[in-house]
Amino acid sequence: MKGKREERLASQFREEIYAVISTSLRNRYPQLSAIISVTGADVAPDLKNAKVYISIYDPDGERKQASFEIIQQSAGFIRHELSKVLHLRTVPELHILPDSSMEYGKKIDRILKNLENTENTDNTEKDD
């Protein structure tokens, strides 16, 4: 179970990382996709590592992948910018990971709709 400190740090990391991506990183790389969000951050209690989950919405899969790779390669830059803002002795090494919860949710919705459609067709066949 996470303590209050870890939750507070994770929340602060999410906010600050989003700020760095939306300002400094977009200025350096104007080709970044339109909608980028930081959906989660898991900070280790010893502050050595942090997993940062990024969600990118872009209908073009190639641009989406390119944007994710830019963010992943810029983890050191983001960490450096965080060190300027956060008042911590050490800023954790950032591990940027894709957040696929949106795709997973869409998949579940599709499965449920397919089940509903097959159930409706089975009911209409029984009524006949």
C-alpha atoms as a PDB file:
ATOM      1  CA  MET A   1       0.000   0.000   0.000  1.00  0.00           C
ATOM      2  CA  LYS A   2       1.263   3.434  -0.888  1.00  0.00           C
ATOM      3  CA  GLY A   3       1.794   5.952   1.836  1.00  0.00           C
ATOM      4  CA  LYS A   4       0.663   9.554   1.681  1.00  0.00           C
ATOM      5  CA  ARG A   5       4.135  10.733   0.727  1.00  0.00           C
ATOM      6  CA  GLU A   6       4.334   8.406  -2.285  1.00  0.00           C
ATOM      7  CA  GLU A   7       0.849   9.446  -3.441  1.00  0.00           C
ATOM      8  CA  ARG A   8       1.692  13.125  -3.051  1.00  0.00           C
ATOM      9  CA  LEU A   9       4.984  12.713  -4.924  1.00  0.00           C
ATOM     10  CA  ALA A  10       3.305  10.735  -7.712  1.00  0.00           C
ATOM     11  CA  SER A  11       0.685  13.451  -8.120  1.00  0.00           C
ATOM     12  CA  GLN A  12       3.307  16.188  -8.134  1.00  0.00           C
ATOM     13  CA  PHE A  13       5.413  14.257 -10.650  1.00  0.00           C
ATOM     14  CA  ARG A  14       2.416  13.843 -12.983  1.00  0.00           C
ATOM     15  CA  GLU A  15       1.676  17.559 -12.895  1.00  0.00           C
ATOM     16  CA  GLU A  16       5.267  18.695 -13.339  1.00  0.00           C
ATOM     17  CA  ILE A  17       6.070  16.190 -16.079  1.00  0.00           C
ATOM     18  CA  TYR A  18       2.976  17.288 -17.976  1.00  0.00           C
ATOM     19  CA  ALA A  19       4.081  20.906 -17.611  1.00  0.00           C
ATOM     20  CA  VAL A  20       7.545  20.098 -18.977  1.00  0.00           C
ATOM     21  CA  ILE A  21       6.122  18.136 -21.917  1.00  0.00           C
ATOM     22  CA  SER A  22       3.526  20.755 -22.797  1.00  0.00           C
ATOM     23  CA  THR A  23       5.963  23.665 -22.666  1.00  0.00           C
ATOM     24  CA  SER A  24       9.685  22.969 -22.952  1.00  0.00           C
ATOM     25  CA  LEU A  25       9.484  19.711 -24.877  1.00  0.00           C
ATOM     26  CA  ARG A  26       6.895  21.029 -27.359  1.00  0.00           C
ATOM     27  CA  ASN A  27       9.127  24.046 -27.957  1.00  0.00           C
ATOM     28  CA  ARG A  28      12.064  21.739 -28.742  1.00  0.00           C
ATOM     29  CA  TYR A  29       9.990  19.292 -30.836  1.00  0.00           C
ATOM     30  CA  PRO A  30       7.060  20.971 -32.607  1.00  0.00           C
ATOM     31  CA  GLN A  31       6.167  17.648 -34.281  1.00  0.00           C
ATOM     32  CA  LEU A  32       4.776  16.217 -31.011  1.00  0.00           C
ATOM     33  CA  SER A  33       1.171  15.001 -31.307  1.00  0.00           C
ATOM     34  CA  ALA A  34      -1.751  17.161 -30.336  1.00  0.00           C
ATOM     35  CA  ILE A  35      -3.033  15.406 -27.225  1.00  0.00           C
ATOM     36  CA  ILE A  36      -0.496  14.049 -24.747  1.00  0.00           C
ATOM     37  CA  SER A  37      -1.359  13.296 -21.151  1.00  0.00           C
ATOM     38  CA  VAL A  38       0.516  11.902 -18.196  1.00  0.00           C
ATOM     39  CA  THR A  39      -1.872   9.350 -16.767  1.00  0.00           C
ATOM     40  CA  GLY A  40       0.188   7.995 -13.918  1.00  0.00           C
ATOM     41  CA  ALA A  41       3.445   7.985 -12.049  1.00  0.00           C
ATOM     42  CA  ASP A  42       4.777   5.325  -9.706  1.00  0.00           C
ATOM     43  CA  VAL A  43       7.646   6.691  -7.653  1.00  0.00           C
ATOM     44  CA  ALA A  44       9.815   4.217  -5.752  1.00  0.00           C
ATOM     45  CA  PRO A  45      10.035   4.916  -2.017  1.00  0.00           C
ATOM     46  CA  ASP A  46      13.818   5.385  -2.258  1.00  0.00           C
ATOM     47  CA  LEU A  47      13.332   7.944  -5.097  1.00  0.00           C
ATOM     48  CA  LYS A  48      15.730   6.068  -7.389  1.00  0.00           C
ATOM     49  CA  ASN A  49      13.228   5.202 -10.126  1.00  0.00           C
ATOM     50  CA  ALA A  50       9.862   6.374 -11.334  1.00  0.00           C
ATOM     51  CA  LYS A  51       7.558   4.791 -13.881  1.00  0.00           C
ATOM     52  CA  VAL A  52       5.686   7.434 -15.844  1.00  0.00           C
ATOM     53  CA  TYR A  53       2.674   6.397 -17.915  1.00  0.00           C
ATOM     54  CA  ILE A  54       1.985   8.498 -20.999  1.00  0.00           C
ATOM     55  CA  SER A  55      -1.165   8.412 -23.109  1.00  0.00           C
ATOM     56  CA  ILE A  56      -1.040   9.907 -26.590  1.00  0.00           C
ATOM     57  CA  TYR A  57      -4.098  10.450 -28.735  1.00  0.00           C
ATOM     58  CA  ASP A  58      -3.366  10.767 -32.425  1.00  0.00           C
ATOM     59  CA  PRO A  59      -5.358   9.103 -35.215  1.00  0.00           C
ATOM     60  CA  ASP A  60      -2.116   8.681 -37.188  1.00  0.00           C
ATOM     61  CA  GLY A  61      -0.321   5.683 -35.664  1.00  0.00           C
ATOM     62  CA  GLU A  62       3.090   6.681 -37.033  1.00  0.00           C
ATOM     63  CA  ARG A  63       2.938  10.170 -35.526  1.00  0.00           C
ATOM     64  CA  LYS A  64       1.727   8.701 -32.253  1.00  0.00           C
ATOM     65  CA  GLN A  65       4.681   6.302 -32.140  1.00  0.00           C
ATOM     66  CA  ALA A  66       7.124   9.069 -33.136  1.00  0.00           C
ATOM     67  CA  SER A  67       5.781  11.315 -30.358  1.00  0.00           C
ATOM     68  CA  PHE A  68       6.142   8.539 -27.797  1.00  0.00           C
ATOM     69  CA  GLU A  69       9.719   7.875 -28.894  1.00  0.00           C
ATOM     70  CA  ILE A  70      10.577  11.580 -28.615  1.00  0.00           C
ATOM     71  CA  ILE A  71       9.221  11.657 -25.059  1.00  0.00           C
ATOM     72  CA  GLN A  72      11.024   8.430 -24.180  1.00  0.00           C
ATOM     73  CA  GLN A  73      14.335   9.708 -25.550  1.00  0.00           C
ATOM     74  CA  SER A  74      13.854  12.998 -23.717  1.00  0.00           C
ATOM     75  CA  ALA A  75      13.538  11.358 -20.279  1.00  0.00           C
ATOM     76  CA  GLY A  76      16.902  12.825 -19.250  1.00  0.00           C
ATOM     77  CA  PHE A  77      15.835  16.316 -20.308  1.00  0.00           C
ATOM     78  CA  ILE A  78      12.530  15.952 -18.436  1.00  0.00           C
ATOM     79  CA  ARG A  79      14.416  14.759 -15.353  1.00  0.00           C
ATOM     80  CA  HIS A  80      16.739  17.775 -15.582  1.00  0.00           C
ATOM     81  CA  GLU A  81      13.765  20.148 -15.839  1.00  0.00           C
ATOM     82  CA  LEU A  82      12.140  18.430 -12.848  1.00  0.00           C
ATOM     83  CA  SER A  83      15.276  18.987 -10.792  1.00  0.00           C
ATOM     84  CA  LYS A  84      14.803  22.737 -11.294  1.00  0.00           C
ATOM     85  CA  VAL A  85      11.216  22.680 -10.061  1.00  0.00           C
ATOM     86  CA  LEU A  86      11.062  19.957  -7.428  1.00  0.00           C
ATOM     87  CA  HIS A  87      12.841  20.476  -4.149  1.00  0.00           C
ATOM     88  CA  LEU A  88      14.216  16.968  -3.750  1.00  0.00           C
ATOM     89  CA  ARG A  89      17.720  15.788  -3.008  1.00  0.00           C
ATOM     90  CA  THR A  90      17.561  13.328  -5.886  1.00  0.00           C
ATOM     91  CA  VAL A  91      15.175  13.261  -8.813  1.00  0.00           C
ATOM     92  CA  PRO A  92      14.378   9.682  -9.822  1.00  0.00           C
ATOM     93  CA  GLU A  93      15.418   8.149 -13.112  1.00  0.00           C
ATOM     94  CA  LEU A  94      12.329   8.262 -15.333  1.00  0.00           C
ATOM     95  CA  HIS A  95      11.071   5.198 -17.149  1.00  0.00           C
ATOM     96  CA  ILE A  96       8.512   6.339 -19.725  1.00  0.00           C
ATOM     97  CA  LEU A  97       5.887   3.691 -20.474  1.00  0.00           C
ATOM     98  CA  PRO A  98       2.832   3.766 -22.745  1.00  0.00           C
ATOM     99  CA  ASP A  99      -0.551   3.799 -21.051  1.00  0.00           C
ATOM    100  CA  SER A 100      -2.776   1.486 -23.032  1.00  0.00           C
ATOM    101  CA  SER A 101      -5.840   1.768 -20.809  1.00  0.00           C
ATOM    102  CA  MET A 102      -7.756   3.717 -23.482  1.00  0.00           C
ATOM    103  CA  GLU A 103      -7.190   0.970 -26.066  1.00  0.00           C
ATOM    104  CA  TYR A 104      -8.058  -1.665 -23.478  1.00  0.00           C
ATOM    105  CA  GLY A 105     -11.293   0.175 -22.653  1.00  0.00           C
ATOM    106  CA  LYS A 106     -12.213   0.373 -26.346  1.00  0.00           C
ATOM    107  CA  LYS A 107     -11.540  -3.351 -26.717  1.00  0.00           C
ATOM    108  CA  ILE A 108     -13.804  -4.158 -23.756  1.00  0.00           C
ATOM    109  CA  ASP A 109     -16.539  -1.886 -25.167  1.00  0.00           C
ATOM    110  CA  ARG A 110     -16.315  -3.666 -28.530  1.00  0.00           C
ATOM    111  CA  ILE A 111     -16.567  -7.072 -26.863  1.00  0.00           C
ATOM    112  CA  LEU A 112     -19.588  -5.991 -24.820  1.00  0.00           C
ATOM    113  CA  LYS A 113     -21.320  -4.557 -27.902  1.00  0.00           C
ATOM    114  CA  ASN A 114     -20.652  -7.780 -29.817  1.00  0.00           C
ATOM    115  CA  LEU A 115     -22.115  -9.798 -26.941  1.00  0.00           C
ATOM    116  CA  GLU A 116     -25.133  -7.509 -26.821  1.00  0.00           C
ATOM    117  CA  ASN A 117     -25.641  -7.786 -30.593  1.00  0.00           C
ATOM    118  CA  THR A 118     -25.374 -11.571 -30.582  1.00  0.00           C
ATOM    119  CA  GLU A 119     -27.747 -11.738 -27.623  1.00  0.00           C
ATOM    120  CA  ASN A 120     -30.275  -9.539 -29.444  1.00  0.00           C
ATOM    121  CA  THR A 121     -30.078 -11.661 -32.600  1.00  0.00           C
ATOM    122  CA  ASP A 122     -30.516 -14.847 -30.545  1.00  0.00           C
ATOM    123  CA  ASN A 123     -33.615 -13.373 -28.853  1.00  0.00           C
ATOM    124  CA  THR A 124     -35.211 -12.332 -32.144  1.00  0.00           C
ATOM    125  CA  GLU A 125     -34.576 -15.778 -33.634  1.00  0.00           C
ATOM    126  CA  LYS A 126     -36.264 -17.418 -30.611  1.00  0.00           C
ATOM    127  CA  ASP A 127     -39.285 -15.098 -30.942  1.00  0.00           C
ATOM    128  CA  ASP A 128     -39.846 -16.180 -34.561  1.00  0.00           C
END
